[in-house]
Protein backbone atom coordinates (compact mmCIF):
# COMPACT_ATOMS: atom_id res chain seq x y z
CA UNK A 1 5.30 -88.11 -21.84
CA UNK A 2 3.50 -91.48 -21.53
CA UNK A 3 0.34 -91.79 -24.18
CA UNK A 4 1.55 -88.03 -25.75
CA UNK A 5 3.79 -88.06 -29.32
CA UNK A 6 6.97 -86.10 -28.99
CA UNK A 7 5.94 -83.99 -31.59
CA UNK A 8 2.49 -83.09 -29.86
CA UNK A 9 4.43 -82.13 -26.78
CA UNK A 10 6.74 -80.05 -28.22
CA UNK A 11 4.02 -78.47 -30.08
CA UNK A 12 2.63 -78.51 -26.50
CA UNK A 13 5.64 -76.46 -25.35
CA UNK A 14 6.29 -74.49 -27.68
CA UNK A 15 2.49 -73.31 -27.76
CA UNK A 16 3.11 -72.47 -23.86
CA UNK A 17 6.50 -70.69 -24.23
CA UNK A 18 4.93 -68.67 -27.02
CA UNK A 19 2.32 -67.77 -24.23
CA UNK A 20 4.43 -66.76 -21.77
CA UNK A 21 6.54 -64.52 -24.18
CA UNK A 22 3.06 -62.48 -24.99
CA UNK A 23 2.01 -62.31 -21.41
CA UNK A 24 5.67 -60.66 -21.22
CA UNK A 25 5.28 -58.21 -23.82
CA UNK A 26 2.39 -56.86 -22.32
CA UNK A 27 -0.48 -57.55 -24.47
CA UNK A 28 -3.63 -56.54 -23.47
CA UNK A 29 -5.85 -58.42 -20.41
CA UNK A 30 -7.91 -60.03 -23.09
CA UNK A 31 -5.46 -61.10 -25.85
CA UNK A 32 -3.47 -62.79 -23.02
CA UNK A 33 -7.00 -64.41 -22.20
CA UNK A 34 -7.77 -66.05 -25.49
CA UNK A 35 -4.36 -67.46 -26.26
CA UNK A 36 -4.34 -69.16 -22.55
CA UNK A 37 -8.25 -70.15 -23.07
CA UNK A 38 -7.01 -71.65 -26.46
CA UNK A 39 -3.58 -72.96 -24.75
CA UNK A 40 -6.78 -75.05 -21.63
CA UNK A 41 -8.46 -75.62 -24.47
CA UNK A 42 -6.02 -77.67 -26.78
CA UNK A 43 -4.57 -79.86 -23.50
CA UNK A 44 -8.23 -80.94 -22.10
CA UNK A 45 -7.96 -82.29 -25.92
CA UNK A 46 -5.39 -84.14 -25.15
CA UNK A 47 -6.49 -84.95 -21.31
CA UNK A 48 -10.07 -86.39 -22.72
CA UNK A 49 -8.66 -88.49 -25.03
CA UNK A 50 -6.68 -90.45 -22.36
CA UNK A 51 -9.50 -90.23 -20.19
CA UNK A 52 -11.64 -91.69 -23.16
CA UNK A 53 -9.06 -94.60 -23.73
CA UNK A 54 -8.88 -95.68 -20.00
CA UNK A 55 -12.60 -96.13 -19.83
CA UNK A 56 -13.24 -92.68 -17.35
CA UNK A 57 -16.40 -91.60 -19.09
CA UNK A 58 -17.16 -89.36 -15.97
CA UNK A 59 -13.63 -87.55 -16.57
CA UNK A 60 -13.59 -87.09 -20.17
CA UNK A 61 -16.74 -85.44 -20.51
CA UNK A 62 -15.67 -82.92 -17.43
CA UNK A 63 -12.62 -82.81 -19.58
CA UNK A 64 -14.38 -82.36 -22.97
CA UNK A 65 -17.08 -79.68 -21.10
CA UNK A 66 -13.80 -77.73 -19.87
CA UNK A 67 -12.91 -77.60 -23.69
CA UNK A 68 -15.48 -76.05 -25.27
CA UNK A 69 -16.59 -73.40 -22.78
CA UNK A 70 -12.55 -72.80 -23.21
CA UNK A 71 -12.65 -72.72 -27.10
CA UNK A 72 -16.12 -70.86 -26.65
CA UNK A 73 -14.30 -67.79 -24.76
CA UNK A 74 -11.03 -68.42 -27.07
CA UNK A 75 -13.27 -67.23 -29.64
CA UNK A 76 -15.73 -64.40 -28.70
CA UNK A 77 -12.62 -62.97 -26.92
CA UNK A 78 -10.11 -63.55 -29.89
CA UNK A 79 -8.64 -59.82 -31.71
CA UNK A 80 -7.50 -61.39 -34.75
CA UNK A 81 -11.96 -62.06 -34.73
CA UNK A 82 -13.18 -58.78 -33.98
CA UNK A 83 -10.97 -57.97 -35.74
CA UNK A 84 -12.07 -59.72 -38.86
CA UNK A 85 -15.71 -58.51 -37.60
CA UNK A 86 -15.75 -55.16 -38.07
């Protein structure tokens, strides 16, 4: 993948595979959505960096907006975070 190191690409692939396995294990929909949101946050970070380097400021802006929304959702719906708050 151009612009993404092999290590980073492998980490993303491993995270995606983990997300798929968790979906197959019938975890709760909220946990699945939170995990997916965290993955989307990671991916949009990479994409926003690429857009910034390519001098595509509006695209970088919208990708960063999506990243923040995904991070907020993941944080608010992560069952581990909720369990710690109790």
